[in-house]
Protein backbone atom coordinates (compact mmCIF):
# COMPACT_ATOMS: atom_id res chain seq x y z
CA LEU A 1 0.07 -0.53 -0.19
CA ARG A 2 2.46 2.54 -0.09
CA GLY A 3 2.67 3.27 -3.83
CA VAL A 4 -1.19 3.85 -2.11
CA ARG A 5 0.17 6.44 0.19
CA ARG A 6 2.23 7.98 -2.52
CA PHE A 7 0.27 8.67 -4.75
CA GLN A 8 -1.82 10.15 -2.72
CA GLU A 9 0.09 12.12 -0.72
CA PHE A 10 1.42 13.91 -4.07
CA LEU A 11 -2.45 14.25 -5.78
CA ARG A 12 -3.32 16.36 -2.25
CA ASN A 13 -0.02 18.43 -1.17
CA GLU A 14 1.35 18.71 -5.07
CA LEU A 15 -1.74 19.20 -6.77
CA GLU A 16 -3.82 20.11 -4.33
CA PHE A 17 -7.06 17.39 -5.58
CA PRO A 18 -9.57 17.37 -3.46
CA ALA A 19 -9.23 14.17 -1.00
CA ASP A 20 -12.91 13.66 -1.30
CA HIS A 21 -12.57 13.04 -4.80
CA ILE A 22 -9.75 10.16 -4.34
CA THR A 23 -11.17 6.99 -4.61
CA ASP A 24 -8.19 4.44 -2.84
CA LEU A 25 -10.59 0.68 -4.09
CA SER A 26 -7.08 -1.12 -1.85
CA ARG A 27 -8.48 -0.92 1.73
CA ALA A 28 -11.31 -1.25 1.13
CA VAL A 29 -11.27 -4.26 -0.92
CA ARG A 30 -9.29 -5.46 1.30
CA ALA A 31 -11.12 -5.51 4.50
CA ALA A 32 -14.23 -6.27 2.82
CA ARG A 33 -13.26 -10.36 3.33
CA THR A 34 -16.65 -11.41 1.43
CA PRO A 35 -17.20 -12.20 -2.60
CA ALA A 36 -20.26 -10.24 -2.15
CA ARG A 37 -19.12 -7.54 0.20
CA ILE A 38 -16.21 -7.47 -2.31
CA ARG A 39 -18.44 -6.70 -5.21
CA ASP A 40 -20.92 -4.05 -2.73
CA VAL A 41 -17.68 -2.04 -1.52
CA ILE A 42 -15.60 -1.81 -5.90
CA ALA A 43 -19.59 -0.46 -6.91
CA ASP A 44 -19.20 1.68 -4.27
CA SER A 45 -16.11 3.58 -4.48
CA ALA A 46 -17.29 4.30 -7.78
CA ARG A 47 -20.26 5.71 -6.92
CA LEU A 48 -18.01 8.79 -4.77
CA PRO A 49 -20.59 9.48 -2.31
CA GLY A 50 -20.54 13.87 -1.57
CA VAL A 51 -18.69 14.51 -4.46
CA ASP A 52 -21.54 15.52 -8.13
CA GLY A 53 -21.15 13.76 -10.68
CA PHE A 54 -19.19 16.34 -12.65
CA ALA A 55 -16.38 16.88 -10.49
CA ASN A 56 -13.11 14.87 -12.13
CA VAL A 57 -11.74 12.26 -10.18
CA VAL A 58 -8.61 9.91 -9.74
CA LEU A 59 -9.40 6.33 -8.96
CA PHE A 60 -6.61 4.14 -7.85
CA TYR A 61 -5.59 0.52 -7.48
CA GLU A 62 -2.62 -1.30 -5.94
CA GLY A 63 -2.87 -4.80 -4.86
CA HIS A 64 -3.94 -8.05 -6.62
CA GLY A 65 -5.60 -8.59 -10.46
CA ASP A 66 -7.11 -11.15 -12.51
CA THR A 67 -7.66 -11.42 -16.02
CA GLY A 68 -10.53 -9.21 -16.56
CA GLY A 69 -10.67 -7.69 -13.22
CA PHE A 70 -9.74 -7.23 -9.97
CA GLY A 71 -8.17 -10.88 -8.28
CA ILE A 72 -8.91 -10.69 -4.57
CA ASP A 73 -8.68 -13.83 -2.59
CA ARG A 74 -9.84 -16.64 -4.66
CA TYR A 75 -12.48 -14.25 -6.39
CA THR A 76 -12.05 -11.71 -9.54
CA VAL A 77 -14.46 -9.21 -9.01
CA SER A 78 -15.45 -7.68 -12.99
CA TYR A 79 -13.48 -3.90 -13.97
CA GLN A 80 -17.19 -4.34 -16.51
CA ASP A 81 -19.12 -4.99 -13.02
CA TRP A 82 -16.91 -2.22 -10.95
CA ALA A 83 -17.21 0.96 -13.24
CA TRP A 84 -20.96 0.35 -14.64
CA PRO A 85 -21.81 3.20 -11.95
CA LEU A 86 -19.03 5.62 -13.22
CA CYS A 87 -21.52 5.08 -16.88
CA GLY A 88 -23.38 8.06 -14.79
CA ARG A 89 -20.54 10.77 -14.48
CA TRP A 90 -19.84 14.10 -16.85
CA GLY A 91 -16.13 14.94 -15.43
CA ASN A 92 -13.29 13.67 -16.46
CA MET A 93 -12.33 10.48 -15.02
CA VAL A 94 -8.33 9.00 -14.07
CA PHE A 95 -8.00 5.06 -13.84
CA VAL A 96 -4.94 3.76 -11.92
CA ASN A 97 -4.25 0.51 -12.16
CA ASP A 98 -0.96 -0.77 -10.69
CA ALA A 99 -2.19 -4.66 -10.69
CA CYS A 100 -1.10 -7.85 -12.53
CA TYR A 101 -3.08 -8.41 -15.91
CA SER A 102 -4.04 -4.51 -15.15
CA GLY A 103 -3.56 -3.58 -19.33
CA SER A 104 -7.19 -6.57 -19.62
CA ALA A 105 -9.30 -3.29 -18.22
CA ARG A 106 -8.91 -1.75 -21.84
CA THR A 107 -12.04 -3.86 -23.30
CA PRO A 108 -14.20 -4.01 -20.99
CA LEU A 109 -14.14 -0.13 -20.06
CA GLN A 110 -14.93 0.18 -24.28
CA ARG A 111 -17.23 -2.34 -23.89
CA ILE A 112 -19.55 -0.14 -21.46
CA GLY A 113 -18.64 3.13 -23.10
CA LEU A 114 -16.23 4.93 -20.74
CA LEU A 115 -13.06 4.28 -23.25
CA PRO A 116 -11.82 6.50 -24.96
CA ARG A 117 -13.36 10.28 -24.64
CA ARG A 118 -14.64 10.09 -20.91
CA LEU A 119 -11.55 7.92 -18.36
CA LEU A 120 -8.06 7.13 -19.49
CA LEU A 121 -6.97 4.06 -17.78
CA ILE A 122 -3.37 4.24 -16.73
CA ALA A 123 -2.49 0.07 -16.31
CA ALA A 124 1.02 -1.24 -14.69
CA SER A 125 0.92 -3.70 -17.48
CA SER A 126 -0.54 -5.23 -20.39
CA ALA A 127 -3.49 -8.30 -20.55
CA ALA A 128 -0.95 -10.30 -20.26
CA GLU A 129 0.90 -9.43 -17.89
CA GLU A 130 1.89 -9.37 -14.22
CA ALA A 131 3.18 -6.36 -12.74
CA TYR A 132 5.73 -5.37 -9.64
CA SER A 133 4.67 -3.79 -6.90
CA TYR A 134 4.56 -0.26 -6.49
CA VAL A 135 7.02 -0.25 -9.15
CA MET A 136 3.70 1.37 -11.90
CA SER A 137 2.54 3.77 -9.53
CA ASN A 138 6.15 5.09 -8.18
CA ALA A 139 7.15 5.79 -11.64
CA LEU A 140 3.81 7.50 -12.19
CA VAL A 141 3.93 10.19 -9.42
CA VAL A 142 8.15 10.60 -10.22
CA GLN A 143 7.50 11.61 -13.51
CA ALA A 144 5.07 14.11 -13.30
CA GLN A 145 7.15 15.40 -10.36
CA GLN A 146 9.15 16.31 -13.56
CA GLY A 147 6.50 17.70 -15.99
CA ARG A 148 6.49 14.20 -18.37
CA PRO A 149 3.27 12.47 -18.54
CA LEU A 150 4.17 8.53 -17.22
CA HIS A 151 4.47 6.89 -21.50
CA ARG A 152 3.05 3.86 -22.76
CA GLY A 153 5.79 1.18 -23.07
CA ALA A 154 8.71 -1.51 -21.16
CA TRP A 155 9.72 -0.22 -18.67
CA THR A 156 13.22 -2.60 -17.52
CA ILE A 157 12.62 -3.11 -13.15
CA SER A 158 15.95 -5.05 -12.84
CA GLN A 159 18.11 -6.89 -15.19
CA ASP A 160 15.29 -10.78 -16.03
CA LEU A 161 11.91 -8.93 -14.67
CA LYS A 162 9.77 -6.23 -17.35
CA GLN A 163 6.16 -5.09 -17.53
CA THR A 164 5.17 -2.65 -19.77
CA PHE A 165 3.31 0.29 -17.96
CA CYS A 166 0.04 1.50 -20.89
CA ARG A 167 -2.26 3.72 -21.76
CA TRP A 168 -6.03 4.52 -22.99
CA GLY A 169 -8.01 6.95 -23.07
CA PRO A 170 -7.92 11.14 -23.45
CA ASN A 171 -4.83 13.26 -22.77
CA PHE A 172 -5.84 14.08 -18.42
CA ASP A 173 -2.91 14.51 -17.04
CA TYR A 174 -4.51 17.98 -16.46
CA LEU A 175 -5.69 15.75 -13.09
CA LEU A 176 -2.53 14.46 -12.27
């Protein structure tokens, strides 16, 4: 969760992003414990209580991923089920997904109409690739602090480890 904390601090302190416009899915999902409750927590997080439908929001997840969804314990919560409530929002959205197989969020988000116009997806890995905890979220903060967007491409973590950062959607870098 150190990536989540660092990213939230960056958004709040350096970019003066309102705290109630930032949703940390990671902590709530870990506390849920049962498949039904996990689905409810993820669906509720997309609604952002107290934030009107026109506000710009950043949604951040750092944790386990599975092909097509959040991988929590032995369960998968699909990206499409999670994101469906976002379709009613009018503000711009950035979804930072720091998880294995996080690029697999692209197709479901396209299917429900959030991509390519209303949401920027920044994924830690391709749809068929594992990701290494904290690497992408840390790189995102460093790049933004240097005034450079995080571009799609392969990043070398060590001599043996590589992962592919991916981004799809409109240029909402001004939110970051």
